[in-house]
């Protein structure tokens, strides 16, 4: 499976599913049945920070030979579609048009139609995966944080320059409205923007 590094939205999706409460679903998740096996298979991929496609799942669960059986692949895809409708899994957008759809769990804990509590990973496994996931999410958030600081600095610089222009205009013997009004307007607007940016921090 050629797996690129997790995109920001995929990392958040994985984190959300790990932090999710128990979801009640209207489908049976009994050990030994396809739905359970597929959910467990997806969980095992996600614990490695990967999202499998149907062939990845089939190869892992049933062997590589079965990935070439068109009828079997279609049956598994039908079951996965049913699982999506039951809100057990989500279908991720394709990164490239020719790729197969990839799947993600909506949670690692479910209560199935028979009221059975199904855990697809132990708390320790989830904790280990979260420890792997946090550096990825933090790294992806860094550019956004830097951009925020740059906006603040630019706004502050514009405010200082605008107020300097206002002050300069006021110190002249004759106030030039073509300098004073735009400079004052820019200073006020940027001050409001700066306040908004700082309130988001």
C-alpha atoms as a PDB file:
ATOM      1  CA  UNK A   1       0.000   0.000   0.000  1.00  0.00           C
ATOM      2  CA  UNK A   2       1.495   3.299  -1.030  1.00  0.00           C
ATOM      3  CA  UNK A   3       0.487   5.582   1.805  1.00  0.00           C
ATOM      4  CA  UNK A   4       1.353   9.249   1.804  1.00  0.00           C
ATOM      5  CA  UNK A   5       1.744  11.058   5.077  1.00  0.00           C
ATOM      6  CA  UNK A   6      -1.499  12.064   6.701  1.00  0.00           C
ATOM      7  CA  UNK A   7      -3.083  15.273   5.487  1.00  0.00           C
ATOM      8  CA  UNK A   8      -4.184  17.758   8.140  1.00  0.00           C
ATOM      9  CA  UNK A   9      -7.867  16.854   7.774  1.00  0.00           C
ATOM     10  CA  UNK A  10      -7.054  13.133   7.917  1.00  0.00           C
ATOM     11  CA  UNK A  11      -5.028  13.554  11.089  1.00  0.00           C
ATOM     12  CA  UNK A  12      -7.905  15.455  12.694  1.00  0.00           C
ATOM     13  CA  UNK A  13     -10.390  12.834  11.488  1.00  0.00           C
ATOM     14  CA  UNK A  14      -8.320  10.087  13.070  1.00  0.00           C
ATOM     15  CA  UNK A  15      -7.979  12.049  16.286  1.00  0.00           C
ATOM     16  CA  UNK A  16     -11.744  12.676  16.373  1.00  0.00           C
ATOM     17  CA  UNK A  17     -12.523   8.991  15.911  1.00  0.00           C
ATOM     18  CA  UNK A  18     -10.153   8.060  18.724  1.00  0.00           C
ATOM     19  CA  UNK A  19     -11.695  10.628  21.058  1.00  0.00           C
ATOM     20  CA  UNK A  20     -15.244   9.773  20.035  1.00  0.00           C
ATOM     21  CA  UNK A  21     -17.759   8.423  22.513  1.00  0.00           C
ATOM     22  CA  UNK A  22     -19.429   5.067  21.987  1.00  0.00           C
ATOM     23  CA  UNK A  23     -21.630   5.223  18.900  1.00  0.00           C
ATOM     24  CA  UNK A  24     -24.870   3.305  18.686  1.00  0.00           C
ATOM     25  CA  UNK A  25     -25.290   1.680  15.286  1.00  0.00           C
ATOM     26  CA  UNK A  26     -28.112  -0.269  13.663  1.00  0.00           C
ATOM     27  CA  UNK A  27     -25.917  -3.063  12.386  1.00  0.00           C
ATOM     28  CA  UNK A  28     -24.480  -6.165  14.022  1.00  0.00           C
ATOM     29  CA  UNK A  29     -20.777  -6.216  14.838  1.00  0.00           C
ATOM     30  CA  UNK A  30     -20.235  -9.807  15.851  1.00  0.00           C
ATOM     31  CA  UNK A  31     -16.796 -11.360  15.836  1.00  0.00           C
ATOM     32  CA  UNK A  32     -16.338 -13.621  12.832  1.00  0.00           C
ATOM     33  CA  UNK A  33     -18.739 -11.674  10.617  1.00  0.00           C
ATOM     34  CA  UNK A  34     -17.614  -9.473   7.753  1.00  0.00           C
ATOM     35  CA  UNK A  35     -18.704  -6.180   9.321  1.00  0.00           C
ATOM     36  CA  UNK A  36     -16.709  -6.827  12.471  1.00  0.00           C
ATOM     37  CA  UNK A  37     -13.668  -8.084  10.582  1.00  0.00           C
ATOM     38  CA  UNK A  38     -13.674  -5.063   8.279  1.00  0.00           C
ATOM     39  CA  UNK A  39     -14.081  -2.613  11.152  1.00  0.00           C
ATOM     40  CA  UNK A  40     -11.286  -4.341  13.051  1.00  0.00           C
ATOM     41  CA  UNK A  41      -9.142  -4.302   9.910  1.00  0.00           C
ATOM     42  CA  UNK A  42      -9.662  -0.575   9.387  1.00  0.00           C
ATOM     43  CA  UNK A  43      -8.830  -0.014  13.060  1.00  0.00           C
ATOM     44  CA  UNK A  44      -5.547  -1.898  12.695  1.00  0.00           C
ATOM     45  CA  UNK A  45      -4.571   0.309   9.746  1.00  0.00           C
ATOM     46  CA  UNK A  46      -5.554   3.465  11.601  1.00  0.00           C
ATOM     47  CA  UNK A  47      -3.457   2.456  14.586  1.00  0.00           C
ATOM     48  CA  UNK A  48      -0.547   2.632  12.126  1.00  0.00           C
ATOM     49  CA  UNK A  49      -1.747   6.071  10.921  1.00  0.00           C
ATOM     50  CA  UNK A  50      -3.023   4.697   7.613  1.00  0.00           C
ATOM     51  CA  UNK A  51      -6.380   4.616   5.864  1.00  0.00           C
ATOM     52  CA  UNK A  52      -6.934   1.455   3.825  1.00  0.00           C
ATOM     53  CA  UNK A  53      -8.733   0.969   0.553  1.00  0.00           C
ATOM     54  CA  UNK A  54     -10.806  -2.135  -0.141  1.00  0.00           C
ATOM     55  CA  UNK A  55      -7.883  -4.102  -1.566  1.00  0.00           C
ATOM     56  CA  UNK A  56      -5.673  -3.261   1.403  1.00  0.00           C
ATOM     57  CA  UNK A  57      -8.379  -4.602   3.698  1.00  0.00           C
ATOM     58  CA  UNK A  58      -8.943  -7.756   1.686  1.00  0.00           C
ATOM     59  CA  UNK A  59      -5.228  -8.479   1.473  1.00  0.00           C
ATOM     60  CA  UNK A  60      -4.776  -8.016   5.218  1.00  0.00           C
ATOM     61  CA  UNK A  61      -7.845 -10.002   6.244  1.00  0.00           C
ATOM     62  CA  UNK A  62      -8.288 -12.642   3.551  1.00  0.00           C
ATOM     63  CA  UNK A  63      -5.015 -12.857   1.631  1.00  0.00           C
ATOM     64  CA  UNK A  64      -3.604 -11.305  -1.515  1.00  0.00           C
ATOM     65  CA  UNK A  65      -5.207 -13.846  -3.876  1.00  0.00           C
ATOM     66  CA  UNK A  66      -8.689 -12.646  -2.973  1.00  0.00           C
ATOM     67  CA  UNK A  67      -7.894  -9.080  -4.076  1.00  0.00           C
ATOM     68  CA  UNK A  68      -8.066 -10.382  -7.651  1.00  0.00           C
ATOM     69  CA  UNK A  69     -11.531 -11.907  -7.220  1.00  0.00           C
ATOM     70  CA  UNK A  70     -13.793  -9.222  -8.649  1.00  0.00           C
ATOM     71  CA  UNK A  71     -16.973 -10.709  -7.200  1.00  0.00           C
ATOM     72  CA  UNK A  72     -15.490 -10.905  -3.705  1.00  0.00           C
ATOM     73  CA  UNK A  73     -14.132  -7.343  -3.920  1.00  0.00           C
ATOM     74  CA  UNK A  74     -17.586  -6.078  -4.938  1.00  0.00           C
ATOM     75  CA  UNK A  75     -19.217  -7.942  -2.054  1.00  0.00           C
ATOM     76  CA  UNK A  76     -16.796  -6.353   0.398  1.00  0.00           C
ATOM     77  CA  UNK A  77     -17.434  -2.916  -1.134  1.00  0.00           C
ATOM     78  CA  UNK A  78     -21.180  -3.468  -0.677  1.00  0.00           C
ATOM     79  CA  UNK A  79     -20.657  -4.346   2.986  1.00  0.00           C
ATOM     80  CA  UNK A  80     -18.448  -1.279   3.435  1.00  0.00           C
ATOM     81  CA  UNK A  81     -21.153   0.884   1.867  1.00  0.00           C
ATOM     82  CA  UNK A  82     -23.667  -0.575   4.317  1.00  0.00           C
ATOM     83  CA  UNK A  83     -21.259   0.178   7.159  1.00  0.00           C
ATOM     84  CA  UNK A  84     -20.950   3.751   5.940  1.00  0.00           C
ATOM     85  CA  UNK A  85     -24.730   4.161   5.932  1.00  0.00           C
ATOM     86  CA  UNK A  86     -24.758   2.826   9.491  1.00  0.00           C
ATOM     87  CA  UNK A  87     -22.176   5.483  10.472  1.00  0.00           C
ATOM     88  CA  UNK A  88     -19.482   2.971  11.390  1.00  0.00           C
ATOM     89  CA  UNK A  89     -17.081   4.145   8.723  1.00  0.00           C
ATOM     90  CA  UNK A  90     -16.532   7.144   6.501  1.00  0.00           C
ATOM     91  CA  UNK A  91     -15.395   7.135   2.912  1.00  0.00           C
ATOM     92  CA  UNK A  92     -12.497   9.512   2.440  1.00  0.00           C
ATOM     93  CA  UNK A  93     -12.152  11.707  -0.634  1.00  0.00           C
ATOM     94  CA  UNK A  94      -9.790  10.330  -3.246  1.00  0.00           C
ATOM     95  CA  UNK A  95      -6.419  12.039  -3.498  1.00  0.00           C
ATOM     96  CA  UNK A  96      -6.169  11.034  -7.150  1.00  0.00           C
ATOM     97  CA  UNK A  97      -9.095  10.122  -9.419  1.00  0.00           C
ATOM     98  CA  UNK A  98      -7.759   6.661 -10.270  1.00  0.00           C
ATOM     99  CA  UNK A  99      -7.239   5.601  -6.656  1.00  0.00           C
ATOM    100  CA  UNK A 100      -9.623   3.346  -4.787  1.00  0.00           C
ATOM    101  CA  UNK A 101     -11.734   4.843  -2.033  1.00  0.00           C
ATOM    102  CA  UNK A 102     -10.166   4.754   1.405  1.00  0.00           C
ATOM    103  CA  UNK A 103     -12.038   4.130   4.616  1.00  0.00           C
ATOM    104  CA  UNK A 104     -11.919   5.571   8.121  1.00  0.00           C
ATOM    105  CA  UNK A 105     -13.737   4.636  11.307  1.00  0.00           C
ATOM    106  CA  UNK A 106     -16.139   7.140  12.829  1.00  0.00           C
ATOM    107  CA  UNK A 107     -15.225   5.800  16.280  1.00  0.00           C
ATOM    108  CA  UNK A 108     -13.291   3.004  17.935  1.00  0.00           C
ATOM    109  CA  UNK A 109     -16.232   2.167  20.228  1.00  0.00           C
ATOM    110  CA  UNK A 110     -19.668   1.025  19.125  1.00  0.00           C
ATOM    111  CA  UNK A 111     -22.837  -0.409  20.551  1.00  0.00           C
ATOM    112  CA  UNK A 112     -24.292  -2.629  17.869  1.00  0.00           C
ATOM    113  CA  UNK A 113     -27.908  -3.515  17.129  1.00  0.00           C
ATOM    114  CA  UNK A 114     -27.715  -6.409  19.616  1.00  0.00           C
ATOM    115  CA  UNK A 115     -26.603  -3.933  22.335  1.00  0.00           C
ATOM    116  CA  UNK A 116     -23.106  -5.432  22.387  1.00  0.00           C
ATOM    117  CA  UNK A 117     -20.308  -3.030  23.268  1.00  0.00           C
ATOM    118  CA  UNK A 118     -17.587  -3.361  20.650  1.00  0.00           C
ATOM    119  CA  UNK A 119     -14.119  -1.899  21.170  1.00  0.00           C
ATOM    120  CA  UNK A 120     -11.868  -2.009  18.140  1.00  0.00           C
ATOM    121  CA  UNK A 121      -8.709  -1.062  20.018  1.00  0.00           C
ATOM    122  CA  UNK A 122      -7.497  -1.129  23.584  1.00  0.00           C
ATOM    123  CA  UNK A 123      -7.052   2.149  25.480  1.00  0.00           C
ATOM    124  CA  UNK A 124      -3.298   1.530  25.391  1.00  0.00           C
ATOM    125  CA  UNK A 125      -3.290   1.133  21.589  1.00  0.00           C
ATOM    126  CA  UNK A 126      -5.289   4.334  21.215  1.00  0.00           C
ATOM    127  CA  UNK A 127      -2.940   6.174  23.559  1.00  0.00           C
ATOM    128  CA  UNK A 128       0.108   5.002  21.595  1.00  0.00           C
ATOM    129  CA  UNK A 129      -1.451   6.114  18.320  1.00  0.00           C
ATOM    130  CA  UNK A 130      -2.424   9.479  19.787  1.00  0.00           C
ATOM    131  CA  UNK A 131       1.193   9.936  20.870  1.00  0.00           C
ATOM    132  CA  UNK A 132       2.244   9.347  17.256  1.00  0.00           C
ATOM    133  CA  UNK A 133      -0.513  11.609  15.976  1.00  0.00           C
ATOM    134  CA  UNK A 134       0.047  14.674  18.165  1.00  0.00           C
ATOM    135  CA  UNK A 135       3.429  15.657  16.662  1.00  0.00           C
ATOM    136  CA  UNK A 136       1.887  15.421  13.181  1.00  0.00           C
ATOM    137  CA  UNK A 137      -1.053  17.644  14.129  1.00  0.00           C
ATOM    138  CA  UNK A 138       1.205  20.124  15.944  1.00  0.00           C
ATOM    139  CA  UNK A 139       3.548  20.327  12.951  1.00  0.00           C
ATOM    140  CA  UNK A 140       0.627  20.927  10.617  1.00  0.00           C
ATOM    141  CA  UNK A 141      -0.723  23.666  12.887  1.00  0.00           C
ATOM    142  CA  UNK A 142       2.592  25.550  12.980  1.00  0.00           C
ATOM    143  CA  UNK A 143       2.283  27.319   9.594  1.00  0.00           C
ATOM    144  CA  UNK A 144      -1.156  28.599  10.605  1.00  0.00           C
ATOM    145  CA  UNK A 145       0.231  29.956  13.877  1.00  0.00           C
ATOM    146  CA  UNK A 146       3.136  31.635  12.085  1.00  0.00           C
ATOM    147  CA  UNK A 147       0.739  33.196   9.599  1.00  0.00           C
ATOM    148  CA  UNK A 148      -1.298  34.581  12.503  1.00  0.00           C
ATOM    149  CA  UNK A 149       1.775  36.219  14.029  1.00  0.00           C
ATOM    150  CA  UNK A 150       2.766  37.696  10.674  1.00  0.00           C
ATOM    151  CA  UNK A 151      -0.718  39.217  10.302  1.00  0.00           C
ATOM    152  CA  UNK A 152      -0.446  40.713  13.786  1.00  0.00           C
ATOM    153  CA  UNK A 153       2.959  42.229  13.055  1.00  0.00           C
ATOM    154  CA  UNK A 154       1.825  43.664   9.724  1.00  0.00           C
ATOM    155  CA  UNK A 155      -1.313  45.130  11.300  1.00  0.00           C
ATOM    156  CA  UNK A 156       0.710  46.670  14.127  1.00  0.00           C
ATOM    157  CA  UNK A 157       3.191  48.163  11.648  1.00  0.00           C
ATOM    158  CA  UNK A 158       0.396  49.667   9.530  1.00  0.00           C
ATOM    159  CA  UNK A 159      -1.260  51.108  12.647  1.00  0.00           C
ATOM    160  CA  UNK A 160       1.970  52.768  13.782  1.00  0.00           C
ATOM    161  CA  UNK A 161       2.622  54.210  10.324  1.00  0.00           C
ATOM    162  CA  UNK A 162      -0.986  55.392   9.955  1.00  0.00           C
ATOM    163  CA  UNK A 163      -1.018  57.112  13.335  1.00  0.00           C
ATOM    164  CA  UNK A 164       2.359  58.660  12.506  1.00  0.00           C
ATOM    165  CA  UNK A 165       0.821  60.034   9.294  1.00  0.00           C
ATOM    166  CA  UNK A 166      -2.192  61.338  11.257  1.00  0.00           C
ATOM    167  CA  UNK A 167       0.090  62.999  13.797  1.00  0.00           C
ATOM    168  CA  UNK A 168       2.251  64.489  11.050  1.00  0.00           C
ATOM    169  CA  UNK A 169      -0.867  65.835   9.293  1.00  0.00           C
ATOM    170  CA  UNK A 170      -2.092  67.409  12.545  1.00  0.00           C
ATOM    171  CA  UNK A 171       1.258  69.115  13.158  1.00  0.00           C
ATOM    172  CA  UNK A 172       1.192  70.878   9.796  1.00  0.00           C
ATOM    173  CA  UNK A 173       0.019  74.512   9.656  1.00  0.00           C
ATOM    174  CA  UNK A 174      -2.770  73.455   7.295  1.00  0.00           C
ATOM    175  CA  UNK A 175      -4.294  69.994   7.774  1.00  0.00           C
ATOM    176  CA  UNK A 176      -4.347  68.121   4.490  1.00  0.00           C
ATOM    177  CA  UNK A 177      -7.564  66.053   4.398  1.00  0.00           C
ATOM    178  CA  UNK A 178      -6.121  63.832   1.644  1.00  0.00           C
ATOM    179  CA  UNK A 179      -3.515  62.596   4.125  1.00  0.00           C
ATOM    180  CA  UNK A 180      -5.392  62.873   7.406  1.00  0.00           C
ATOM    181  CA  UNK A 181      -8.664  61.106   6.481  1.00  0.00           C
ATOM    182  CA  UNK A 182      -7.218  57.996   4.751  1.00  0.00           C
ATOM    183  CA  UNK A 183      -4.484  57.618   7.389  1.00  0.00           C
ATOM    184  CA  UNK A 184      -7.019  57.901  10.206  1.00  0.00           C
ATOM    185  CA  UNK A 185      -9.388  55.461   8.476  1.00  0.00           C
ATOM    186  CA  UNK A 186      -6.579  52.924   7.902  1.00  0.00           C
ATOM    187  CA  UNK A 187      -5.390  53.277  11.504  1.00  0.00           C
ATOM    188  CA  UNK A 188      -8.869  52.639  12.916  1.00  0.00           C
ATOM    189  CA  UNK A 189      -9.555  49.714  10.559  1.00  0.00           C
ATOM    190  CA  UNK A 190      -6.228  48.057  11.313  1.00  0.00           C
ATOM    191  CA  UNK A 191      -6.736  48.605  15.042  1.00  0.00           C
ATOM    192  CA  UNK A 192     -10.032  46.739  14.830  1.00  0.00           C
ATOM    193  CA  UNK A 193      -8.403  43.963  12.786  1.00  0.00           C
ATOM    194  CA  UNK A 194      -5.559  43.703  15.275  1.00  0.00           C
ATOM    195  CA  UNK A 195      -8.028  43.459  18.140  1.00  0.00           C
ATOM    196  CA  UNK A 196      -9.835  40.652  16.345  1.00  0.00           C
ATOM    197  CA  UNK A 197      -6.589  38.794  15.624  1.00  0.00           C
ATOM    198  CA  UNK A 198      -5.438  39.110  19.227  1.00  0.00           C
ATOM    199  CA  UNK A 199      -8.785  37.889  20.550  1.00  0.00           C
ATOM    200  CA  UNK A 200      -8.363  34.682  18.520  1.00  0.00           C
ATOM    201  CA  UNK A 201      -5.041  33.867  20.194  1.00  0.00           C
END
